[in-house]
Amino acid sequence: MKKIYLFIVLMSFYGSPYLQEYVYRTFNDTRVINGHSVETLMKGAMDIRISHRFGDLLGENGGASSMFGLDDMADVRIGVEYGISNNLTIGLGRSKGAGPYRQLVDGFGKYKLLAQTKEKGMPVTLTLLGLATYDFQEASINLSSPTSYRETAHRFAYCTSLLIGRKFNDKFSIQISSSYVHRNYVAFHDQNGIFSTGISSRLKVSKMIGVIAEYHYLHPYNRNTGIGTYYNPMGLGIEFDTGGHIFQLNFTNSRGMGETQFIPYTSSDVMEGQFRMGFTISRVFKLRRPKQAKG
């Protein structure tokens, strides 16, 4: 962690602070597939988002009998986000939940600490994410269950992520993320805190279409909690940017959405055909117009 703080300090003094031209749209959206990107909303912009994950495409629970997962619903989320400033975005969402936690409400704040500049200047964009979820489902009477909540605080889970992104040219961007997820209450054999490292990328193939991918490595990999085995979450998608709307079609082994869901609770093995189709629709509204200079 000390190395990360030192990196931030050093980057703050990298290049001249004057007359810098910033690099915009490292990613087209504030999300890659499941995880956040380095992007924040512009000041006064509101983003309405709907995300859906279907059932397994193949494997034991997939195939033609379930219309390749279309008959099932793994998770659904609706959220609203707002740009307090060009660098600060806040958001609130409600999701069904796909792990042991269900009926979730999540809130987050995301701040862009540094912005990539053109030519000689800041080489990366650096964004800090803080997120919390609350589980509204009824507490289990089974005391060995991870949802046998005895206190209100047990229902909370948190995530902190440091996102580092770089746009290499007009077509290709890459992002590295370091995340820590903490759940206040877990099953006996599980661990409260989980670290993960993620890598994400975007390749622009036309003016409207981009290919996106992400992979998150858990520490330790493939952990066995006594109640199930979990895998590294990954995803591949295509996004369509029509201006005000962004539509994304994706395939992922994660059932849940949001860092406190897909990082600790991806129980699907891609090698067994346990991946699913999903989509996200994002619509951005400008609630505040820039002030015009008086003349």
C-alpha atoms as a PDB file:
ATOM      1  CA  MET A   1       0.000   0.000   0.000  1.00  0.00           C
ATOM      2  CA  LYS A   2       2.914   2.379   0.747  1.00  0.00           C
ATOM      3  CA  LYS A   3       4.184   1.801  -2.794  1.00  0.00           C
ATOM      4  CA  ILE A   4       0.794   2.784  -4.201  1.00  0.00           C
ATOM      5  CA  TYR A   5       0.749   6.054  -2.230  1.00  0.00           C
ATOM      6  CA  LEU A   6       4.323   6.790  -3.320  1.00  0.00           C
ATOM      7  CA  PHE A   7       3.313   6.177  -6.946  1.00  0.00           C
ATOM      8  CA  ILE A   8       0.448   8.671  -6.623  1.00  0.00           C
ATOM      9  CA  VAL A   9       2.723  11.332  -5.135  1.00  0.00           C
ATOM     10  CA  LEU A  10       5.369  10.865  -7.829  1.00  0.00           C
ATOM     11  CA  MET A  11       2.804  10.970 -10.623  1.00  0.00           C
ATOM     12  CA  SER A  12       1.442  14.237  -9.217  1.00  0.00           C
ATOM     13  CA  PHE A  13       4.753  15.896 -10.080  1.00  0.00           C
ATOM     14  CA  TYR A  14       5.259  14.179 -13.431  1.00  0.00           C
ATOM     15  CA  GLY A  15       5.455  16.726 -16.249  1.00  0.00           C
ATOM     16  CA  SER A  16       4.468  20.375 -16.276  1.00  0.00           C
ATOM     17  CA  PRO A  17       1.138  21.284 -14.660  1.00  0.00           C
ATOM     18  CA  TYR A  18       0.574  24.051 -17.196  1.00  0.00           C
ATOM     19  CA  LEU A  19      -1.048  23.928 -20.619  1.00  0.00           C
ATOM     20  CA  GLN A  20      -1.758  20.209 -20.448  1.00  0.00           C
ATOM     21  CA  GLU A  21      -4.216  18.708 -22.921  1.00  0.00           C
ATOM     22  CA  TYR A  22      -6.099  15.834 -21.326  1.00  0.00           C
ATOM     23  CA  VAL A  23      -6.921  12.474 -22.869  1.00  0.00           C
ATOM     24  CA  TYR A  24     -10.649  11.733 -22.827  1.00  0.00           C
ATOM     25  CA  ARG A  25     -12.689   8.537 -23.027  1.00  0.00           C
ATOM     26  CA  THR A  26     -10.122   5.965 -22.022  1.00  0.00           C
ATOM     27  CA  PHE A  27     -13.248   3.806 -21.874  1.00  0.00           C
ATOM     28  CA  ASN A  28     -16.648   4.643 -23.341  1.00  0.00           C
ATOM     29  CA  ASP A  29     -18.513   3.865 -20.129  1.00  0.00           C
ATOM     30  CA  THR A  30     -18.105   4.092 -16.362  1.00  0.00           C
ATOM     31  CA  ARG A  31     -18.077   0.254 -16.362  1.00  0.00           C
ATOM     32  CA  VAL A  32     -16.071  -2.235 -18.373  1.00  0.00           C
ATOM     33  CA  ILE A  33     -18.263  -5.332 -17.997  1.00  0.00           C
ATOM     34  CA  ASN A  34     -18.844  -6.064 -14.320  1.00  0.00           C
ATOM     35  CA  GLY A  35     -16.224  -3.791 -12.817  1.00  0.00           C
ATOM     36  CA  HIS A  36     -15.847  -0.015 -12.832  1.00  0.00           C
ATOM     37  CA  SER A  37     -13.613   1.775 -15.309  1.00  0.00           C
ATOM     38  CA  VAL A  38     -11.514   4.876 -14.634  1.00  0.00           C
ATOM     39  CA  GLU A  39     -14.225   7.038 -16.217  1.00  0.00           C
ATOM     40  CA  THR A  40     -16.376   9.493 -14.241  1.00  0.00           C
ATOM     41  CA  LEU A  41     -19.432  11.411 -15.400  1.00  0.00           C
ATOM     42  CA  MET A  42     -19.227  15.030 -16.462  1.00  0.00           C
ATOM     43  CA  LYS A  43     -20.542  17.610 -14.003  1.00  0.00           C
ATOM     44  CA  GLY A  44     -24.339  17.723 -14.011  1.00  0.00           C
ATOM     45  CA  ALA A  45     -24.739  14.468 -15.969  1.00  0.00           C
ATOM     46  CA  MET A  46     -27.089  11.721 -14.750  1.00  0.00           C
ATOM     47  CA  ASP A  47     -26.718   8.127 -15.908  1.00  0.00           C
ATOM     48  CA  ILE A  48     -29.641   5.674 -15.718  1.00  0.00           C
ATOM     49  CA  ARG A  49     -28.409   2.073 -16.007  1.00  0.00           C
ATOM     50  CA  ILE A  50     -30.136  -1.287 -16.374  1.00  0.00           C
ATOM     51  CA  SER A  51     -28.061  -4.475 -16.296  1.00  0.00           C
ATOM     52  CA  HIS A  52     -29.211  -8.069 -16.697  1.00  0.00           C
ATOM     53  CA  ARG A  53     -27.523 -11.468 -16.480  1.00  0.00           C
ATOM     54  CA  PHE A  54     -29.201 -14.615 -17.832  1.00  0.00           C
ATOM     55  CA  GLY A  55     -28.646 -18.251 -16.856  1.00  0.00           C
ATOM     56  CA  ASP A  56     -25.881 -20.609 -18.007  1.00  0.00           C
ATOM     57  CA  LEU A  57     -25.424 -20.686 -21.758  1.00  0.00           C
ATOM     58  CA  LEU A  58     -24.101 -24.267 -21.768  1.00  0.00           C
ATOM     59  CA  GLY A  59     -23.298 -26.939 -19.193  1.00  0.00           C
ATOM     60  CA  GLU A  60     -25.646 -28.900 -16.956  1.00  0.00           C
ATOM     61  CA  ASN A  61     -28.095 -26.013 -16.455  1.00  0.00           C
ATOM     62  CA  GLY A  62     -27.804 -24.544 -19.943  1.00  0.00           C
ATOM     63  CA  GLY A  63     -28.333 -25.691 -23.472  1.00  0.00           C
ATOM     64  CA  ALA A  64     -31.514 -25.906 -25.493  1.00  0.00           C
ATOM     65  CA  SER A  65     -33.671 -26.944 -22.499  1.00  0.00           C
ATOM     66  CA  SER A  66     -33.273 -23.459 -20.994  1.00  0.00           C
ATOM     67  CA  MET A  67     -33.048 -21.692 -24.353  1.00  0.00           C
ATOM     68  CA  PHE A  68     -29.326 -21.324 -23.649  1.00  0.00           C
ATOM     69  CA  GLY A  69     -29.970 -19.431 -20.423  1.00  0.00           C
ATOM     70  CA  LEU A  70     -32.639 -17.043 -21.692  1.00  0.00           C
ATOM     71  CA  ASP A  71     -35.305 -18.776 -19.571  1.00  0.00           C
ATOM     72  CA  ASP A  72     -33.355 -18.049 -16.382  1.00  0.00           C
ATOM     73  CA  MET A  73     -32.284 -14.849 -14.648  1.00  0.00           C
ATOM     74  CA  ALA A  74     -29.052 -14.803 -12.674  1.00  0.00           C
ATOM     75  CA  ASP A  75     -29.215 -11.145 -11.629  1.00  0.00           C
ATOM     76  CA  VAL A  76     -30.707  -7.783 -12.551  1.00  0.00           C
ATOM     77  CA  ARG A  77     -29.725  -4.292 -11.428  1.00  0.00           C
ATOM     78  CA  ILE A  78     -31.088  -0.796 -11.969  1.00  0.00           C
ATOM     79  CA  GLY A  79     -29.065   2.208 -10.897  1.00  0.00           C
ATOM     80  CA  VAL A  80     -28.714   5.955 -11.130  1.00  0.00           C
ATOM     81  CA  GLU A  81     -25.450   7.912 -11.069  1.00  0.00           C
ATOM     82  CA  TYR A  82     -24.671  11.620 -10.990  1.00  0.00           C
ATOM     83  CA  GLY A  83     -21.622  13.749 -11.712  1.00  0.00           C
ATOM     84  CA  ILE A  84     -21.006  16.109  -8.781  1.00  0.00           C
ATOM     85  CA  SER A  85     -18.024  17.467 -10.682  1.00  0.00           C
ATOM     86  CA  ASN A  86     -16.035  16.320 -13.693  1.00  0.00           C
ATOM     87  CA  ASN A  87     -13.915  14.219 -11.339  1.00  0.00           C
ATOM     88  CA  LEU A  88     -16.466  13.032  -8.756  1.00  0.00           C
ATOM     89  CA  THR A  89     -19.350  10.635  -9.430  1.00  0.00           C
ATOM     90  CA  ILE A  90     -21.789   9.134  -6.931  1.00  0.00           C
ATOM     91  CA  GLY A  91     -24.304   6.365  -7.536  1.00  0.00           C
ATOM     92  CA  LEU A  92     -27.064   4.253  -6.021  1.00  0.00           C
ATOM     93  CA  GLY A  93     -28.452   0.940  -7.236  1.00  0.00           C
ATOM     94  CA  ARG A  94     -30.783  -1.950  -6.439  1.00  0.00           C
ATOM     95  CA  SER A  95     -30.065  -5.520  -7.509  1.00  0.00           C
ATOM     96  CA  LYS A  96     -31.573  -8.947  -7.023  1.00  0.00           C
ATOM     97  CA  GLY A  97     -28.249 -10.435  -5.962  1.00  0.00           C
ATOM     98  CA  ALA A  98     -26.751 -13.708  -7.135  1.00  0.00           C
ATOM     99  CA  GLY A  99     -24.530 -14.974  -4.303  1.00  0.00           C
ATOM    100  CA  PRO A 100     -25.673 -15.631  -0.742  1.00  0.00           C
ATOM    101  CA  TYR A 101     -26.504 -11.916  -0.456  1.00  0.00           C
ATOM    102  CA  ARG A 102     -29.865 -10.946  -1.987  1.00  0.00           C
ATOM    103  CA  GLN A 103     -32.138  -7.899  -2.243  1.00  0.00           C
ATOM    104  CA  LEU A 104     -29.158  -5.573  -2.332  1.00  0.00           C
ATOM    105  CA  VAL A 105     -28.863  -1.806  -2.272  1.00  0.00           C
ATOM    106  CA  ASP A 106     -25.461  -0.408  -3.213  1.00  0.00           C
ATOM    107  CA  GLY A 107     -23.951   3.038  -3.104  1.00  0.00           C
ATOM    108  CA  PHE A 108     -20.590   4.285  -4.325  1.00  0.00           C
ATOM    109  CA  GLY A 109     -18.371   7.288  -4.768  1.00  0.00           C
ATOM    110  CA  LYS A 110     -15.671   7.508  -7.423  1.00  0.00           C
ATOM    111  CA  TYR A 111     -13.039  10.229  -7.686  1.00  0.00           C
ATOM    112  CA  LYS A 112     -10.581  10.799 -10.519  1.00  0.00           C
ATOM    113  CA  LEU A 113      -7.302  11.633  -8.808  1.00  0.00           C
ATOM    114  CA  LEU A 114      -5.198  12.094 -11.940  1.00  0.00           C
ATOM    115  CA  ALA A 115      -6.010  12.429 -15.635  1.00  0.00           C
ATOM    116  CA  GLN A 116      -3.835  11.255 -18.521  1.00  0.00           C
ATOM    117  CA  THR A 117      -2.417  14.022 -20.678  1.00  0.00           C
ATOM    118  CA  LYS A 118      -1.174  14.088 -24.243  1.00  0.00           C
ATOM    119  CA  GLU A 119       2.498  14.183 -25.234  1.00  0.00           C
ATOM    120  CA  LYS A 120       4.812  14.727 -22.241  1.00  0.00           C
ATOM    121  CA  GLY A 121       2.710  14.743 -19.112  1.00  0.00           C
ATOM    122  CA  MET A 122       0.679  12.377 -16.993  1.00  0.00           C
ATOM    123  CA  PRO A 123       0.914   8.896 -18.590  1.00  0.00           C
ATOM    124  CA  VAL A 124      -2.142   7.365 -16.898  1.00  0.00           C
ATOM    125  CA  THR A 125      -5.556   8.129 -15.445  1.00  0.00           C
ATOM    126  CA  LEU A 126      -5.906   7.243 -11.774  1.00  0.00           C
ATOM    127  CA  THR A 127      -9.326   6.808 -10.122  1.00  0.00           C
ATOM    128  CA  LEU A 128     -10.309   5.766  -6.601  1.00  0.00           C
ATOM    129  CA  LEU A 129     -13.549   3.851  -5.978  1.00  0.00           C
ATOM    130  CA  GLY A 130     -15.357   3.286  -2.675  1.00  0.00           C
ATOM    131  CA  LEU A 131     -18.467   1.089  -2.626  1.00  0.00           C
ATOM    132  CA  ALA A 132     -20.824  -0.390  -0.026  1.00  0.00           C
ATOM    133  CA  THR A 133     -23.758  -2.819  -0.251  1.00  0.00           C
ATOM    134  CA  TYR A 134     -26.541  -3.628   2.204  1.00  0.00           C
ATOM    135  CA  ASP A 135     -28.484  -6.909   2.241  1.00  0.00           C
ATOM    136  CA  PHE A 136     -32.229  -6.502   2.871  1.00  0.00           C
ATOM    137  CA  GLN A 137     -33.188 -10.194   2.811  1.00  0.00           C
ATOM    138  CA  GLU A 138     -34.613 -11.867   5.903  1.00  0.00           C
ATOM    139  CA  ALA A 139     -31.932 -13.325   8.174  1.00  0.00           C
ATOM    140  CA  SER A 140     -31.523 -17.094   8.006  1.00  0.00           C
ATOM    141  CA  ILE A 141     -32.376 -19.180  11.082  1.00  0.00           C
ATOM    142  CA  ASN A 142     -29.471 -21.478  10.176  1.00  0.00           C
ATOM    143  CA  LEU A 143     -26.632 -20.153  12.320  1.00  0.00           C
ATOM    144  CA  SER A 144     -24.016 -21.643   9.978  1.00  0.00           C
ATOM    145  CA  SER A 145     -25.362 -19.597   7.048  1.00  0.00           C
ATOM    146  CA  PRO A 146     -23.479 -16.457   5.915  1.00  0.00           C
ATOM    147  CA  THR A 147     -26.850 -14.653   6.040  1.00  0.00           C
ATOM    148  CA  SER A 148     -27.752 -15.537   9.646  1.00  0.00           C
ATOM    149  CA  TYR A 149     -27.381 -11.890  10.544  1.00  0.00           C
ATOM    150  CA  ARG A 150     -27.441 -11.125  14.260  1.00  0.00           C
ATOM    151  CA  GLU A 151     -26.630  -7.437  13.949  1.00  0.00           C
ATOM    152  CA  THR A 152     -27.422  -4.755  11.387  1.00  0.00           C
ATOM    153  CA  ALA A 153     -23.713  -4.254  10.710  1.00  0.00           C
ATOM    154  CA  HIS A 154     -23.464  -7.865   9.510  1.00  0.00           C
ATOM    155  CA  ARG A 155     -25.488  -6.948   6.418  1.00  0.00           C
ATOM    156  CA  PHE A 156     -22.819  -4.604   5.018  1.00  0.00           C
ATOM    157  CA  ALA A 157     -20.049  -5.396   2.548  1.00  0.00           C
ATOM    158  CA  TYR A 158     -17.483  -2.934   1.201  1.00  0.00           C
ATOM    159  CA  CYS A 159     -15.024  -2.559  -1.643  1.00  0.00           C
ATOM    160  CA  THR A 160     -12.159  -0.155  -2.263  1.00  0.00           C
ATOM    161  CA  SER A 161     -10.480  -0.121  -5.676  1.00  0.00           C
ATOM    162  CA  LEU A 162      -7.605   1.771  -7.225  1.00  0.00           C
ATOM    163  CA  LEU A 163      -8.053   1.969 -11.006  1.00  0.00           C
ATOM    164  CA  ILE A 164      -5.143   2.826 -13.304  1.00  0.00           C
ATOM    165  CA  GLY A 165      -5.926   3.260 -17.000  1.00  0.00           C
ATOM    166  CA  ARG A 166      -4.060   4.311 -20.103  1.00  0.00           C
ATOM    167  CA  LYS A 167      -5.333   5.128 -23.578  1.00  0.00           C
ATOM    168  CA  PHE A 168      -2.524   4.209 -25.967  1.00  0.00           C
ATOM    169  CA  ASN A 169      -4.213   5.564 -29.091  1.00  0.00           C
ATOM    170  CA  ASP A 170      -7.681   6.243 -30.483  1.00  0.00           C
ATOM    171  CA  LYS A 171      -8.401   2.507 -30.688  1.00  0.00           C
ATOM    172  CA  PHE A 172      -6.838   0.749 -27.690  1.00  0.00           C
ATOM    173  CA  SER A 173      -7.018   1.269 -23.915  1.00  0.00           C
ATOM    174  CA  ILE A 174      -6.015  -0.863 -20.953  1.00  0.00           C
ATOM    175  CA  GLN A 175      -6.714  -0.703 -17.218  1.00  0.00           C
ATOM    176  CA  ILE A 176      -5.208  -2.326 -14.133  1.00  0.00           C
ATOM    177  CA  SER A 177      -7.251  -2.455 -10.927  1.00  0.00           C
ATOM    178  CA  SER A 178      -6.364  -3.375  -7.368  1.00  0.00           C
ATOM    179  CA  SER A 179      -9.369  -4.134  -5.148  1.00  0.00           C
ATOM    180  CA  TYR A 180     -10.065  -5.102  -1.560  1.00  0.00           C
ATOM    181  CA  VAL A 181     -13.481  -6.509  -0.632  1.00  0.00           C
ATOM    182  CA  HIS A 182     -14.518  -6.769   3.018  1.00  0.00           C
ATOM    183  CA  ARG A 183     -17.678  -8.539   4.179  1.00  0.00           C
ATOM    184  CA  ASN A 184     -18.686  -7.982   7.781  1.00  0.00           C
ATOM    185  CA  TYR A 185     -20.186 -11.462   8.146  1.00  0.00           C
ATOM    186  CA  VAL A 186     -19.163 -14.638   6.301  1.00  0.00           C
ATOM    187  CA  ALA A 187     -19.464 -18.411   6.625  1.00  0.00           C
ATOM    188  CA  PHE A 188     -17.200 -20.169   9.133  1.00  0.00           C
ATOM    189  CA  HIS A 189     -14.614 -21.391   6.595  1.00  0.00           C
ATOM    190  CA  ASP A 190     -14.586 -18.184   4.550  1.00  0.00           C
ATOM    191  CA  GLN A 191     -12.505 -15.054   5.047  1.00  0.00           C
ATOM    192  CA  ASN A 192     -13.827 -11.540   5.566  1.00  0.00           C
ATOM    193  CA  GLY A 193     -11.301  -9.803   3.348  1.00  0.00           C
ATOM    194  CA  ILE A 194     -10.363 -10.636  -0.238  1.00  0.00           C
ATOM    195  CA  PHE A 195      -7.771  -8.973  -2.472  1.00  0.00           C
ATOM    196  CA  SER A 196      -8.006  -9.076  -6.249  1.00  0.00           C
ATOM    197  CA  THR A 197      -6.081  -7.695  -9.205  1.00  0.00           C
ATOM    198  CA  GLY A 198      -7.912  -7.009 -12.445  1.00  0.00           C
ATOM    199  CA  ILE A 199      -6.965  -6.223 -16.013  1.00  0.00           C
ATOM    200  CA  SER A 200      -9.405  -4.721 -18.514  1.00  0.00           C
ATOM    201  CA  SER A 201      -9.128  -3.529 -22.100  1.00  0.00           C
ATOM    202  CA  ARG A 202     -11.092  -1.889 -24.886  1.00  0.00           C
ATOM    203  CA  LEU A 203     -10.506  -2.106 -28.625  1.00  0.00           C
ATOM    204  CA  LYS A 204     -12.390   0.322 -30.858  1.00  0.00           C
ATOM    205  CA  VAL A 205     -13.302  -1.385 -34.134  1.00  0.00           C
ATOM    206  CA  SER A 206     -15.507   1.349 -35.614  1.00  0.00           C
ATOM    207  CA  LYS A 207     -17.001   4.717 -34.716  1.00  0.00           C
ATOM    208  CA  MET A 208     -19.866   3.043 -32.835  1.00  0.00           C
ATOM    209  CA  ILE A 209     -18.538  -0.399 -31.864  1.00  0.00           C
ATOM    210  CA  GLY A 210     -15.912  -1.519 -29.368  1.00  0.00           C
ATOM    211  CA  VAL A 211     -14.743  -4.874 -27.984  1.00  0.00           C
ATOM    212  CA  ILE A 212     -14.176  -5.001 -24.215  1.00  0.00           C
ATOM    213  CA  ALA A 213     -12.705  -7.632 -21.907  1.00  0.00           C
ATOM    214  CA  GLU A 214     -11.860  -8.009 -18.227  1.00  0.00           C
ATOM    215  CA  TYR A 215     -10.262 -10.571 -15.911  1.00  0.00           C
ATOM    216  CA  HIS A 216      -9.918 -10.488 -12.129  1.00  0.00           C
ATOM    217  CA  TYR A 217      -7.370 -12.611 -10.286  1.00  0.00           C
ATOM    218  CA  LEU A 218      -8.295 -13.545  -6.718  1.00  0.00           C
ATOM    219  CA  HIS A 219      -5.760 -13.999  -3.924  1.00  0.00           C
ATOM    220  CA  PRO A 220      -5.646 -16.886  -3.214  1.00  0.00           C
ATOM    221  CA  TYR A 221      -6.893 -18.353  -6.490  1.00  0.00           C
ATOM    222  CA  ASN A 222      -9.785 -20.816  -6.583  1.00  0.00           C
ATOM    223  CA  ARG A 223     -10.414 -20.691  -2.841  1.00  0.00           C
ATOM    224  CA  ASN A 224     -12.522 -23.429  -1.250  1.00  0.00           C
ATOM    225  CA  THR A 225     -14.688 -22.071   1.571  1.00  0.00           C
ATOM    226  CA  GLY A 226     -16.278 -25.329   2.660  1.00  0.00           C
ATOM    227  CA  ILE A 227     -19.607 -24.225   1.151  1.00  0.00           C
ATOM    228  CA  GLY A 228     -18.428 -23.946  -2.447  1.00  0.00           C
ATOM    229  CA  THR A 229     -15.525 -23.305  -4.782  1.00  0.00           C
ATOM    230  CA  TYR A 230     -15.058 -19.895  -6.383  1.00  0.00           C
ATOM    231  CA  TYR A 231     -13.276 -18.913  -9.565  1.00  0.00           C
ATOM    232  CA  ASN A 232     -11.638 -15.891 -11.115  1.00  0.00           C
ATOM    233  CA  PRO A 233     -14.319 -13.689 -12.739  1.00  0.00           C
ATOM    234  CA  MET A 234     -13.870 -12.858 -16.409  1.00  0.00           C
ATOM    235  CA  GLY A 235     -15.889 -11.417 -19.241  1.00  0.00           C
ATOM    236  CA  LEU A 236     -15.929 -10.467 -22.910  1.00  0.00           C
ATOM    237  CA  GLY A 237     -18.327  -8.040 -24.540  1.00  0.00           C
ATOM    238  CA  ILE A 238     -19.282  -5.782 -27.428  1.00  0.00           C
ATOM    239  CA  GLU A 239     -20.474  -2.224 -26.838  1.00  0.00           C
ATOM    240  CA  PHE A 240     -22.490   0.001 -29.148  1.00  0.00           C
ATOM    241  CA  ASP A 241     -22.278   3.775 -28.630  1.00  0.00           C
ATOM    242  CA  THR A 242     -25.141   5.699 -30.244  1.00  0.00           C
ATOM    243  CA  GLY A 243     -24.355   9.035 -28.603  1.00  0.00           C
ATOM    244  CA  GLY A 244     -26.762   9.298 -25.681  1.00  0.00           C
ATOM    245  CA  HIS A 245     -27.088   5.536 -25.238  1.00  0.00           C
ATOM    246  CA  ILE A 246     -24.513   2.822 -24.688  1.00  0.00           C
ATOM    247  CA  PHE A 247     -25.682  -0.754 -25.194  1.00  0.00           C
ATOM    248  CA  GLN A 248     -23.399  -3.588 -24.147  1.00  0.00           C
ATOM    249  CA  LEU A 249     -23.778  -7.298 -24.897  1.00  0.00           C
ATOM    250  CA  ASN A 250     -21.484  -9.451 -22.774  1.00  0.00           C
ATOM    251  CA  PHE A 251     -20.561 -13.003 -21.809  1.00  0.00           C
ATOM    252  CA  THR A 252     -19.236 -13.684 -18.305  1.00  0.00           C
ATOM    253  CA  ASN A 253     -18.875 -16.469 -15.759  1.00  0.00           C
ATOM    254  CA  SER A 254     -20.074 -14.079 -13.025  1.00  0.00           C
ATOM    255  CA  ARG A 255     -23.696 -14.289 -11.949  1.00  0.00           C
ATOM    256  CA  GLY A 256     -23.665 -11.176  -9.763  1.00  0.00           C
ATOM    257  CA  MET A 257     -22.860  -7.561 -10.576  1.00  0.00           C
ATOM    258  CA  GLY A 258     -20.861  -5.137  -8.492  1.00  0.00           C
ATOM    259  CA  GLU A 259     -17.489  -5.664  -6.856  1.00  0.00           C
ATOM    260  CA  THR A 260     -18.879  -7.079  -3.583  1.00  0.00           C
ATOM    261  CA  GLN A 261     -20.732  -9.713  -5.644  1.00  0.00           C
ATOM    262  CA  PHE A 262     -18.608 -10.835  -8.576  1.00  0.00           C
ATOM    263  CA  ILE A 263     -15.202 -10.706  -6.846  1.00  0.00           C
ATOM    264  CA  PRO A 264     -16.006 -13.051  -3.916  1.00  0.00           C
ATOM    265  CA  TYR A 265     -18.920 -15.051  -5.347  1.00  0.00           C
ATOM    266  CA  THR A 266     -18.142 -16.199  -8.891  1.00  0.00           C
ATOM    267  CA  SER A 267     -18.935 -19.913  -8.584  1.00  0.00           C
ATOM    268  CA  SER A 268     -19.188 -20.698 -12.318  1.00  0.00           C
ATOM    269  CA  ASP A 269     -16.450 -22.614 -14.122  1.00  0.00           C
ATOM    270  CA  VAL A 270     -16.009 -21.513 -17.732  1.00  0.00           C
ATOM    271  CA  MET A 271     -14.482 -24.886 -18.614  1.00  0.00           C
ATOM    272  CA  GLU A 272     -17.794 -26.535 -17.682  1.00  0.00           C
ATOM    273  CA  GLY A 273     -19.789 -24.207 -19.919  1.00  0.00           C
ATOM    274  CA  GLN A 274     -20.968 -22.184 -16.921  1.00  0.00           C
ATOM    275  CA  PHE A 275     -20.951 -18.748 -18.487  1.00  0.00           C
ATOM    276  CA  ARG A 276     -23.884 -16.577 -19.420  1.00  0.00           C
ATOM    277  CA  MET A 277     -25.043 -13.801 -21.678  1.00  0.00           C
ATOM    278  CA  GLY A 278     -25.938 -10.408 -20.289  1.00  0.00           C
ATOM    279  CA  PHE A 279     -26.545  -6.845 -21.330  1.00  0.00           C
ATOM    280  CA  THR A 280     -26.315  -3.314 -19.981  1.00  0.00           C
ATOM    281  CA  ILE A 281     -28.172  -0.234 -21.211  1.00  0.00           C
ATOM    282  CA  SER A 282     -26.872   3.184 -20.163  1.00  0.00           C
ATOM    283  CA  ARG A 283     -28.619   6.495 -20.877  1.00  0.00           C
ATOM    284  CA  VAL A 284     -26.924   9.750 -19.902  1.00  0.00           C
ATOM    285  CA  PHE A 285     -28.947  12.940 -19.350  1.00  0.00           C
ATOM    286  CA  LYS A 286     -27.452  16.420 -18.982  1.00  0.00           C
ATOM    287  CA  LEU A 287     -29.270  18.028 -16.062  1.00  0.00           C
ATOM    288  CA  ARG A 288     -27.045  21.102 -15.884  1.00  0.00           C
ATOM    289  CA  ARG A 289     -25.912  23.110 -18.872  1.00  0.00           C
ATOM    290  CA  PRO A 290     -22.593  24.948 -18.860  1.00  0.00           C
ATOM    291  CA  LYS A 291     -22.896  28.603 -17.967  1.00  0.00           C
ATOM    292  CA  GLN A 292     -22.417  30.963 -20.890  1.00  0.00           C
ATOM    293  CA  ALA A 293     -20.090  33.899 -20.510  1.00  0.00           C
ATOM    294  CA  LYS A 294     -21.783  37.248 -20.187  1.00  0.00           C
ATOM    295  CA  GLY A 295     -20.940  39.684 -22.945  1.00  0.00           C
END
